[in-house]
C-alpha atoms as a PDB file:
ATOM      1  CA  UNK A   1     -39.054  -3.623  35.511  1.00  0.00           C
ATOM      2  CA  UNK A   2     -40.265  -5.380  32.376  1.00  0.00           C
ATOM      3  CA  UNK A   3     -43.583  -6.957  31.527  1.00  0.00           C
ATOM      4  CA  UNK A   4     -42.413 -10.447  32.397  1.00  0.00           C
ATOM      5  CA  UNK A   5     -41.554  -9.355  35.920  1.00  0.00           C
ATOM      6  CA  UNK A   6     -44.839  -7.549  36.381  1.00  0.00           C
ATOM      7  CA  UNK A   7     -47.055 -10.328  35.081  1.00  0.00           C
ATOM      8  CA  UNK A   8     -45.159 -13.587  35.562  1.00  0.00           C
ATOM      9  CA  UNK A   9     -45.741 -15.916  32.643  1.00  0.00           C
ATOM     10  CA  UNK A  10     -48.834 -13.964  31.564  1.00  0.00           C
ATOM     11  CA  UNK A  11     -47.264 -11.951  28.712  1.00  0.00           C
ATOM     12  CA  UNK A  12     -45.769 -15.034  27.102  1.00  0.00           C
ATOM     13  CA  UNK A  13     -49.077 -16.897  27.403  1.00  0.00           C
ATOM     14  CA  UNK A  14     -50.973 -13.899  26.021  1.00  0.00           C
ATOM     15  CA  UNK A  15     -48.452 -13.616  23.204  1.00  0.00           C
ATOM     16  CA  UNK A  16     -48.901 -17.290  22.318  1.00  0.00           C
ATOM     17  CA  UNK A  17     -52.677 -16.829  22.276  1.00  0.00           C
ATOM     18  CA  UNK A  18     -52.331 -13.748  20.078  1.00  0.00           C
ATOM     19  CA  UNK A  19     -50.072 -15.698  17.739  1.00  0.00           C
ATOM     20  CA  UNK A  20     -52.618 -18.477  17.466  1.00  0.00           C
ATOM     21  CA  UNK A  21     -55.386 -15.970  16.657  1.00  0.00           C
ATOM     22  CA  UNK A  22     -53.286 -14.036  14.183  1.00  0.00           C
ATOM     23  CA  UNK A  23     -52.089 -17.206  12.436  1.00  0.00           C
ATOM     24  CA  UNK A  24     -55.694 -17.747  11.315  1.00  0.00           C
ATOM     25  CA  UNK A  25     -55.530 -14.479   9.356  1.00  0.00           C
ATOM     26  CA  UNK A  26     -53.098 -13.420   6.648  1.00  0.00           C
ATOM     27  CA  UNK A  27     -52.770  -9.800   7.732  1.00  0.00           C
ATOM     28  CA  UNK A  28     -49.132  -9.581   8.784  1.00  0.00           C
ATOM     29  CA  UNK A  29     -45.709  -9.771   7.184  1.00  0.00           C
ATOM     30  CA  UNK A  30     -44.111 -13.058   8.191  1.00  0.00           C
ATOM     31  CA  UNK A  31     -40.352 -13.612   8.132  1.00  0.00           C
ATOM     32  CA  UNK A  32     -39.760 -17.085   6.694  1.00  0.00           C
ATOM     33  CA  UNK A  33     -42.804 -18.819   8.191  1.00  0.00           C
ATOM     34  CA  UNK A  34     -42.265 -22.503   8.963  1.00  0.00           C
ATOM     35  CA  UNK A  35     -45.863 -23.562   8.310  1.00  0.00           C
ATOM     36  CA  UNK A  36     -49.212 -21.874   8.623  1.00  0.00           C
ATOM     37  CA  UNK A  37     -50.398 -21.648  12.201  1.00  0.00           C
ATOM     38  CA  UNK A  38     -47.174 -22.956  13.749  1.00  0.00           C
ATOM     39  CA  UNK A  39     -45.711 -21.179  16.770  1.00  0.00           C
ATOM     40  CA  UNK A  40     -42.059 -21.595  17.704  1.00  0.00           C
ATOM     41  CA  UNK A  41     -41.335 -23.948  20.573  1.00  0.00           C
ATOM     42  CA  UNK A  42     -38.616 -21.603  21.872  1.00  0.00           C
ATOM     43  CA  UNK A  43     -40.762 -18.458  21.779  1.00  0.00           C
ATOM     44  CA  UNK A  44     -41.265 -18.071  25.531  1.00  0.00           C
ATOM     45  CA  UNK A  45     -37.578 -18.543  26.346  1.00  0.00           C
ATOM     46  CA  UNK A  46     -36.455 -16.046  23.681  1.00  0.00           C
ATOM     47  CA  UNK A  47     -39.236 -13.645  24.688  1.00  0.00           C
ATOM     48  CA  UNK A  48     -38.030 -13.620  28.308  1.00  0.00           C
ATOM     49  CA  UNK A  49     -34.428 -13.059  27.250  1.00  0.00           C
ATOM     50  CA  UNK A  50     -34.916 -10.521  24.461  1.00  0.00           C
ATOM     51  CA  UNK A  51     -37.983  -8.535  25.544  1.00  0.00           C
ATOM     52  CA  UNK A  52     -36.090  -5.814  27.474  1.00  0.00           C
ATOM     53  CA  UNK A  53     -33.816  -5.091  24.505  1.00  0.00           C
ATOM     54  CA  UNK A  54     -36.683  -5.063  21.988  1.00  0.00           C
ATOM     55  CA  UNK A  55     -38.558  -2.541  24.147  1.00  0.00           C
ATOM     56  CA  UNK A  56     -35.403  -0.455  24.660  1.00  0.00           C
ATOM     57  CA  UNK A  57     -34.731  -0.233  20.909  1.00  0.00           C
ATOM     58  CA  UNK A  58     -38.333   0.737  20.130  1.00  0.00           C
ATOM     59  CA  UNK A  59     -38.414   3.249  22.999  1.00  0.00           C
ATOM     60  CA  UNK A  60     -35.255   4.898  21.658  1.00  0.00           C
ATOM     61  CA  UNK A  61     -37.182   5.694  18.465  1.00  0.00           C
ATOM     62  CA  UNK A  62     -40.612   6.424  19.914  1.00  0.00           C
ATOM     63  CA  UNK A  63     -39.797   7.967  23.283  1.00  0.00           C
ATOM     64  CA  UNK A  64     -42.670   6.124  24.941  1.00  0.00           C
ATOM     65  CA  UNK A  65     -42.496   2.918  26.967  1.00  0.00           C
ATOM     66  CA  UNK A  66     -46.157   2.134  26.242  1.00  0.00           C
ATOM     67  CA  UNK A  67     -45.718   2.476  22.501  1.00  0.00           C
ATOM     68  CA  UNK A  68     -42.456   0.540  22.648  1.00  0.00           C
ATOM     69  CA  UNK A  69     -44.288  -2.338  24.339  1.00  0.00           C
ATOM     70  CA  UNK A  70     -46.883  -2.265  21.531  1.00  0.00           C
ATOM     71  CA  UNK A  71     -44.052  -2.503  19.014  1.00  0.00           C
ATOM     72  CA  UNK A  72     -42.489  -5.371  20.978  1.00  0.00           C
ATOM     73  CA  UNK A  73     -45.732  -7.304  20.755  1.00  0.00           C
ATOM     74  CA  UNK A  74     -45.863  -6.820  16.975  1.00  0.00           C
ATOM     75  CA  UNK A  75     -42.239  -7.915  16.632  1.00  0.00           C
ATOM     76  CA  UNK A  76     -42.697 -11.039  18.746  1.00  0.00           C
ATOM     77  CA  UNK A  77     -45.906 -11.937  16.902  1.00  0.00           C
ATOM     78  CA  UNK A  78     -43.936 -11.978  13.678  1.00  0.00           C
ATOM     79  CA  UNK A  79     -40.939 -13.705  15.219  1.00  0.00           C
ATOM     80  CA  UNK A  80     -43.145 -16.386  16.775  1.00  0.00           C
ATOM     81  CA  UNK A  81     -44.188 -17.588  13.315  1.00  0.00           C
ATOM     82  CA  UNK A  82     -40.725 -17.314  11.795  1.00  0.00           C
ATOM     83  CA  UNK A  83     -37.935 -19.826  11.280  1.00  0.00           C
ATOM     84  CA  UNK A  84     -35.154 -17.424  12.319  1.00  0.00           C
ATOM     85  CA  UNK A  85     -32.489 -19.582  14.011  1.00  0.00           C
ATOM     86  CA  UNK A  86     -32.430 -19.174  17.790  1.00  0.00           C
ATOM     87  CA  UNK A  87     -28.783 -18.062  17.646  1.00  0.00           C
ATOM     88  CA  UNK A  88     -29.754 -15.162  15.372  1.00  0.00           C
ATOM     89  CA  UNK A  89     -32.862 -14.174  17.323  1.00  0.00           C
ATOM     90  CA  UNK A  90     -31.458 -11.202  19.242  1.00  0.00           C
ATOM     91  CA  UNK A  91     -29.988  -9.359  16.236  1.00  0.00           C
ATOM     92  CA  UNK A  92     -33.099 -10.144  14.168  1.00  0.00           C
ATOM     93  CA  UNK A  93     -35.403  -8.877  16.927  1.00  0.00           C
ATOM     94  CA  UNK A  94     -33.317  -5.714  17.436  1.00  0.00           C
ATOM     95  CA  UNK A  95     -33.501  -4.817  13.747  1.00  0.00           C
ATOM     96  CA  UNK A  96     -37.202  -5.710  13.587  1.00  0.00           C
ATOM     97  CA  UNK A  97     -37.865  -3.462  16.610  1.00  0.00           C
ATOM     98  CA  UNK A  98     -36.065  -0.550  14.956  1.00  0.00           C
ATOM     99  CA  UNK A  99     -37.875  -1.059  11.633  1.00  0.00           C
ATOM    100  CA  UNK A 100     -41.291  -1.427  13.252  1.00  0.00           C
ATOM    101  CA  UNK A 101     -40.781   1.614  15.475  1.00  0.00           C
ATOM    102  CA  UNK A 102     -39.641   3.666  12.474  1.00  0.00           C
ATOM    103  CA  UNK A 103     -42.751   2.515  10.596  1.00  0.00           C
ATOM    104  CA  UNK A 104     -44.894   3.783  13.480  1.00  0.00           C
ATOM    105  CA  UNK A 105     -42.966   7.037  13.505  1.00  0.00           C
ATOM    106  CA  UNK A 106     -43.262   7.554   9.752  1.00  0.00           C
ATOM    107  CA  UNK A 107     -46.916   6.631   9.515  1.00  0.00           C
ATOM    108  CA  UNK A 108     -47.903   9.101  12.215  1.00  0.00           C
ATOM    109  CA  UNK A 109     -49.458   6.442  14.429  1.00  0.00           C
ATOM    110  CA  UNK A 110     -47.777   7.897  17.522  1.00  0.00           C
ATOM    111  CA  UNK A 111     -49.897   9.784  20.006  1.00  0.00           C
ATOM    112  CA  UNK A 112     -48.569  13.114  21.259  1.00  0.00           C
ATOM    113  CA  UNK A 113     -50.505  12.715  24.486  1.00  0.00           C
ATOM    114  CA  UNK A 114     -48.501   9.605  25.360  1.00  0.00           C
ATOM    115  CA  UNK A 115     -45.258  11.469  24.805  1.00  0.00           C
ATOM    116  CA  UNK A 116     -46.402  14.314  27.020  1.00  0.00           C
ATOM    117  CA  UNK A 117     -47.553  11.877  29.717  1.00  0.00           C
ATOM    118  CA  UNK A 118     -44.221  10.040  29.610  1.00  0.00           C
ATOM    119  CA  UNK A 119     -42.257  13.269  29.844  1.00  0.00           C
ATOM    120  CA  UNK A 120     -44.356  14.525  32.742  1.00  0.00           C
ATOM    121  CA  UNK A 121     -43.872  11.354  34.773  1.00  0.00           C
ATOM    122  CA  UNK A 122     -40.907  12.644  36.791  1.00  0.00           C
ATOM    123  CA  UNK A 123     -41.149  13.764  40.383  1.00  0.00           C
ATOM    124  CA  UNK A 124     -39.639  17.187  39.676  1.00  0.00           C
ATOM    125  CA  UNK A 125     -41.522  19.494  37.307  1.00  0.00           C
ATOM    126  CA  UNK A 126     -39.197  21.761  35.372  1.00  0.00           C
ATOM    127  CA  UNK A 127     -40.059  25.214  34.142  1.00  0.00           C
ATOM    128  CA  UNK A 128     -42.929  25.112  31.625  1.00  0.00           C
ATOM    129  CA  UNK A 129     -40.838  26.866  28.970  1.00  0.00           C
ATOM    130  CA  UNK A 130     -38.037  24.333  29.404  1.00  0.00           C
ATOM    131  CA  UNK A 131     -40.527  21.489  29.061  1.00  0.00           C
ATOM    132  CA  UNK A 132     -41.982  22.912  25.857  1.00  0.00           C
ATOM    133  CA  UNK A 133     -38.505  23.416  24.353  1.00  0.00           C
ATOM    134  CA  UNK A 134     -37.438  19.889  25.333  1.00  0.00           C
ATOM    135  CA  UNK A 135     -40.571  18.303  23.861  1.00  0.00           C
ATOM    136  CA  UNK A 136     -40.191  20.321  20.680  1.00  0.00           C
ATOM    137  CA  UNK A 137     -36.547  19.263  20.318  1.00  0.00           C
ATOM    138  CA  UNK A 138     -37.438  15.605  20.802  1.00  0.00           C
ATOM    139  CA  UNK A 139     -40.169  15.829  18.178  1.00  0.00           C
ATOM    140  CA  UNK A 140     -37.744  17.494  15.755  1.00  0.00           C
ATOM    141  CA  UNK A 141     -35.133  14.776  16.289  1.00  0.00           C
ATOM    142  CA  UNK A 142     -37.678  11.996  15.801  1.00  0.00           C
ATOM    143  CA  UNK A 143     -39.043  13.661  12.659  1.00  0.00           C
ATOM    144  CA  UNK A 144     -35.502  14.006  11.284  1.00  0.00           C
ATOM    145  CA  UNK A 145     -34.766  10.374  12.138  1.00  0.00           C
ATOM    146  CA  UNK A 146     -37.870   9.311  10.218  1.00  0.00           C
ATOM    147  CA  UNK A 147     -36.561  11.115   7.111  1.00  0.00           C
ATOM    148  CA  UNK A 148     -33.186   9.331   7.097  1.00  0.00           C
ATOM    149  CA  UNK A 149     -32.523   6.417   4.763  1.00  0.00           C
ATOM    150  CA  UNK A 150     -33.775   3.302   6.532  1.00  0.00           C
ATOM    151  CA  UNK A 151     -30.384   1.595   6.944  1.00  0.00           C
ATOM    152  CA  UNK A 152     -28.808   4.705   8.456  1.00  0.00           C
ATOM    153  CA  UNK A 153     -31.716   5.220  10.825  1.00  0.00           C
ATOM    154  CA  UNK A 154     -31.601   1.613  12.018  1.00  0.00           C
ATOM    155  CA  UNK A 155     -27.817   1.693  12.528  1.00  0.00           C
ATOM    156  CA  UNK A 156     -28.127   4.897  14.544  1.00  0.00           C
ATOM    157  CA  UNK A 157     -30.991   3.571  16.667  1.00  0.00           C
ATOM    158  CA  UNK A 158     -29.245   0.283  17.412  1.00  0.00           C
ATOM    159  CA  UNK A 159     -25.960   1.929  18.368  1.00  0.00           C
ATOM    160  CA  UNK A 160     -27.650   4.535  20.577  1.00  0.00           C
ATOM    161  CA  UNK A 161     -29.776   1.804  22.179  1.00  0.00           C
ATOM    162  CA  UNK A 162     -26.625   0.394  23.719  1.00  0.00           C
ATOM    163  CA  UNK A 163     -25.650  -2.289  21.213  1.00  0.00           C
ATOM    164  CA  UNK A 164     -21.929  -2.759  20.736  1.00  0.00           C
ATOM    165  CA  UNK A 165     -20.267  -2.287  17.361  1.00  0.00           C
ATOM    166  CA  UNK A 166     -20.071  -6.082  17.057  1.00  0.00           C
ATOM    167  CA  UNK A 167     -23.788  -6.448  17.815  1.00  0.00           C
ATOM    168  CA  UNK A 168     -24.742  -3.747  15.309  1.00  0.00           C
ATOM    169  CA  UNK A 169     -22.510  -5.407  12.720  1.00  0.00           C
ATOM    170  CA  UNK A 170     -24.173  -8.783  13.316  1.00  0.00           C
ATOM    171  CA  UNK A 171     -27.667  -7.306  13.271  1.00  0.00           C
ATOM    172  CA  UNK A 172     -27.159  -5.403  10.001  1.00  0.00           C
ATOM    173  CA  UNK A 173     -24.816  -7.882   8.322  1.00  0.00           C
ATOM    174  CA  UNK A 174     -21.981  -5.344   8.225  1.00  0.00           C
ATOM    175  CA  UNK A 175     -18.294  -5.821   8.844  1.00  0.00           C
ATOM    176  CA  UNK A 176     -17.444  -4.673  12.386  1.00  0.00           C
ATOM    177  CA  UNK A 177     -14.974  -2.144  10.966  1.00  0.00           C
ATOM    178  CA  UNK A 178     -17.667  -0.414   8.921  1.00  0.00           C
ATOM    179  CA  UNK A 179     -20.109   0.158  11.774  1.00  0.00           C
ATOM    180  CA  UNK A 180     -18.350   3.278  13.053  1.00  0.00           C
ATOM    181  CA  UNK A 181     -18.372   4.814   9.567  1.00  0.00           C
ATOM    182  CA  UNK A 182     -22.044   3.926   9.074  1.00  0.00           C
ATOM    183  CA  UNK A 183     -23.025   5.436  12.423  1.00  0.00           C
ATOM    184  CA  UNK A 184     -20.967   8.598  11.838  1.00  0.00           C
ATOM    185  CA  UNK A 185     -22.582   9.073   8.422  1.00  0.00           C
ATOM    186  CA  UNK A 186     -26.000   8.574   9.985  1.00  0.00           C
ATOM    187  CA  UNK A 187     -25.229  11.144  12.694  1.00  0.00           C
ATOM    188  CA  UNK A 188     -24.031  13.589  10.047  1.00  0.00           C
ATOM    189  CA  UNK A 189     -27.182  13.002   7.981  1.00  0.00           C
ATOM    190  CA  UNK A 190     -29.308  13.527  11.078  1.00  0.00           C
ATOM    191  CA  UNK A 191     -27.569  16.833  11.830  1.00  0.00           C
ATOM    192  CA  UNK A 192     -28.133  17.974   8.231  1.00  0.00           C
ATOM    193  CA  UNK A 193     -31.821  17.085   8.494  1.00  0.00           C
ATOM    194  CA  UNK A 194     -32.123  18.991  11.751  1.00  0.00           C
ATOM    195  CA  UNK A 195     -30.352  22.046  10.284  1.00  0.00           C
ATOM    196  CA  UNK A 196     -32.361  21.898   7.059  1.00  0.00           C
ATOM    197  CA  UNK A 197     -35.643  21.830   8.971  1.00  0.00           C
ATOM    198  CA  UNK A 198     -34.593  24.166  11.763  1.00  0.00           C
ATOM    199  CA  UNK A 199     -37.371  26.482  12.903  1.00  0.00           C
ATOM    200  CA  UNK A 200     -37.023  30.018  11.639  1.00  0.00           C
ATOM    201  CA  UNK A 201     -36.332  32.695  14.234  1.00  0.00           C
END
């Protein structure tokens, strides 16, 4: 199902090699780096545990498994050079996945052809008109999501990626009781964005 299953220990080894190469350059944002060039000793274990969730969060934003895996690599490259405590890794990685995916969405680095290929991967081909409408709706939702305030967008993505209220609260440093309000406000803001930018008849 995930990259680890498909390639054994290969992805973790490749990630470590990429970290070593990238550590020689200063071209990335590093979250609390321990020391230049250092790679976390627990990276492979956390990678194996957290990779499916990181991909799922990014895919929720981008709508493409391939692009979500690219985002996951970026996130783990940064995490691998960080000093984030192991106990806080999953919430940190979830938020980083949402932020990075939103950055991709907002900067227009997504490829429409990938989205079309992903949507056409099913065994049953629906009516062409239905497909066009569905793709257009997905693009509109993603564009509206990209226009939301960052905190609202991340809260919405995390909650709709399957995280519990407690997990969203931990990831965003919110009180558990305020998560529902935050998510509802984000959903309301998303609806307003969609209505405001609705296509004219």
